[in-house]
Amino acid sequence: MLDIEVAGAVAPGAKILVYFAPNTDQGFHDAITTAVHDTVNNPTVISISWGGPEDSWTAQSATAMLEACTDAAGWALR
């Protein structure tokens, strides 16, 4: 909640969307891909305030996250 409150304080006119997901590798991935591919709200900034260190991920999770972040980078260039 604190990160959301800080974002609202520094950008009071911003439309803030919050995507909730379980604190799991799959949940983390789902939250990012949901935001990146949200064609209704078209978010322009993604802030992540939870998760774990990358060295705790499985190889499969690391690959999925790389793909999600690559999608996000391509989305940001549109």
C-alpha atoms as a PDB file:
ATOM      1  CA  MET A   1       0.000   0.000   0.000  1.00  0.00           C
ATOM      2  CA  LEU A   2       2.827   2.407   0.782  1.00  0.00           C
ATOM      3  CA  ASP A   3       4.150   2.337  -2.789  1.00  0.00           C
ATOM      4  CA  ILE A   4       0.678   3.131  -4.121  1.00  0.00           C
ATOM      5  CA  GLU A   5       0.310   6.004  -1.653  1.00  0.00           C
ATOM      6  CA  VAL A   6       3.724   7.401  -2.624  1.00  0.00           C
ATOM      7  CA  ALA A   7       2.863   7.200  -6.343  1.00  0.00           C
ATOM      8  CA  GLY A   8      -0.366   9.085  -5.684  1.00  0.00           C
ATOM      9  CA  ALA A   9       1.450  11.717  -3.652  1.00  0.00           C
ATOM     10  CA  VAL A  10       4.108  12.440  -6.284  1.00  0.00           C
ATOM     11  CA  ALA A  11       1.654  12.285  -9.196  1.00  0.00           C
ATOM     12  CA  PRO A  12      -1.667  13.493  -7.783  1.00  0.00           C
ATOM     13  CA  GLY A  13      -3.371  13.705 -11.191  1.00  0.00           C
ATOM     14  CA  ALA A  14      -2.279  10.264 -12.341  1.00  0.00           C
ATOM     15  CA  LYS A  15      -4.684   7.415 -12.991  1.00  0.00           C
ATOM     16  CA  ILE A  16      -3.291   4.607 -10.838  1.00  0.00           C
ATOM     17  CA  LEU A  17      -4.150   1.006 -11.610  1.00  0.00           C
ATOM     18  CA  VAL A  18      -3.288  -1.788  -9.230  1.00  0.00           C
ATOM     19  CA  TYR A  19      -2.955  -5.403 -10.346  1.00  0.00           C
ATOM     20  CA  PHE A  20      -3.112  -7.941  -7.523  1.00  0.00           C
ATOM     21  CA  ALA A  21      -1.688 -11.445  -7.742  1.00  0.00           C
ATOM     22  CA  PRO A  22      -0.440 -14.158  -5.388  1.00  0.00           C
ATOM     23  CA  ASN A  23       3.167 -13.837  -4.205  1.00  0.00           C
ATOM     24  CA  THR A  24       4.381 -16.712  -6.360  1.00  0.00           C
ATOM     25  CA  ASP A  25       6.518 -16.940  -9.485  1.00  0.00           C
ATOM     26  CA  GLN A  26       3.354 -17.479 -11.537  1.00  0.00           C
ATOM     27  CA  GLY A  27       1.527 -14.641  -9.787  1.00  0.00           C
ATOM     28  CA  PHE A  28       4.427 -12.256 -10.375  1.00  0.00           C
ATOM     29  CA  HIS A  29       4.512 -13.198 -14.061  1.00  0.00           C
ATOM     30  CA  ASP A  30       0.730 -12.937 -14.414  1.00  0.00           C
ATOM     31  CA  ALA A  31       0.647  -9.453 -12.871  1.00  0.00           C
ATOM     32  CA  ILE A  32       3.281  -8.135 -15.272  1.00  0.00           C
ATOM     33  CA  THR A  33       1.781  -9.693 -18.382  1.00  0.00           C
ATOM     34  CA  THR A  34      -1.711  -8.538 -17.400  1.00  0.00           C
ATOM     35  CA  ALA A  35      -0.483  -4.951 -17.088  1.00  0.00           C
ATOM     36  CA  VAL A  36       1.583  -5.090 -20.284  1.00  0.00           C
ATOM     37  CA  HIS A  37      -1.301  -6.446 -22.340  1.00  0.00           C
ATOM     38  CA  ASP A  38      -4.071  -4.332 -20.751  1.00  0.00           C
ATOM     39  CA  THR A  39      -5.561  -2.710 -23.864  1.00  0.00           C
ATOM     40  CA  VAL A  40      -8.429  -1.166 -21.900  1.00  0.00           C
ATOM     41  CA  ASN A  41      -6.350   0.972 -19.526  1.00  0.00           C
ATOM     42  CA  ASN A  42      -3.095   1.117 -21.537  1.00  0.00           C
ATOM     43  CA  PRO A  43      -0.757   1.737 -18.567  1.00  0.00           C
ATOM     44  CA  THR A  44       2.376   3.713 -19.415  1.00  0.00           C
ATOM     45  CA  VAL A  45       4.430   2.949 -16.305  1.00  0.00           C
ATOM     46  CA  ILE A  46       4.774  -0.297 -14.382  1.00  0.00           C
ATOM     47  CA  SER A  47       6.116  -0.284 -10.846  1.00  0.00           C
ATOM     48  CA  ILE A  48       6.801  -3.549  -9.061  1.00  0.00           C
ATOM     49  CA  SER A  49       7.043  -3.441  -5.304  1.00  0.00           C
ATOM     50  CA  TRP A  50       7.178  -7.100  -4.365  1.00  0.00           C
ATOM     51  CA  GLY A  51       8.861 -10.289  -5.363  1.00  0.00           C
ATOM     52  CA  GLY A  52      12.048 -12.085  -4.547  1.00  0.00           C
ATOM     53  CA  PRO A  53      15.631 -12.133  -5.722  1.00  0.00           C
ATOM     54  CA  GLU A  54      16.170 -13.550  -9.175  1.00  0.00           C
ATOM     55  CA  ASP A  55      18.597 -16.189  -7.901  1.00  0.00           C
ATOM     56  CA  SER A  56      15.681 -17.852  -6.100  1.00  0.00           C
ATOM     57  CA  TRP A  57      13.742 -18.394  -9.359  1.00  0.00           C
ATOM     58  CA  THR A  58      13.721 -21.617 -11.308  1.00  0.00           C
ATOM     59  CA  ALA A  59      15.181 -21.508 -14.818  1.00  0.00           C
ATOM     60  CA  GLN A  60      11.637 -21.751 -16.185  1.00  0.00           C
ATOM     61  CA  SER A  61      10.484 -18.783 -14.069  1.00  0.00           C
ATOM     62  CA  ALA A  62      13.517 -16.720 -15.080  1.00  0.00           C
ATOM     63  CA  THR A  63      12.797 -17.378 -18.772  1.00  0.00           C
ATOM     64  CA  ALA A  64       9.113 -16.483 -18.363  1.00  0.00           C
ATOM     65  CA  MET A  65      10.001 -13.245 -16.553  1.00  0.00           C
ATOM     66  CA  LEU A  66      12.549 -12.323 -19.224  1.00  0.00           C
ATOM     67  CA  GLU A  67       9.859 -12.793 -21.866  1.00  0.00           C
ATOM     68  CA  ALA A  68       7.367 -10.704 -19.862  1.00  0.00           C
ATOM     69  CA  CYS A  69       9.893  -7.894 -19.369  1.00  0.00           C
ATOM     70  CA  THR A  70      10.891  -8.046 -23.045  1.00  0.00           C
ATOM     71  CA  ASP A  71       7.212  -7.644 -23.939  1.00  0.00           C
ATOM     72  CA  ALA A  72       7.036  -4.687 -21.557  1.00  0.00           C
ATOM     73  CA  ALA A  73      10.079  -3.065 -23.189  1.00  0.00           C
ATOM     74  CA  GLY A  74       8.545  -3.480 -26.632  1.00  0.00           C
ATOM     75  CA  TRP A  75       5.242  -2.120 -25.345  1.00  0.00           C
ATOM     76  CA  ALA A  76       7.019   0.938 -23.930  1.00  0.00           C
ATOM     77  CA  LEU A  77       8.484   1.738 -27.356  1.00  0.00           C
ATOM     78  CA  ARG A  78       5.053   1.966 -29.014  1.00  0.00           C
END
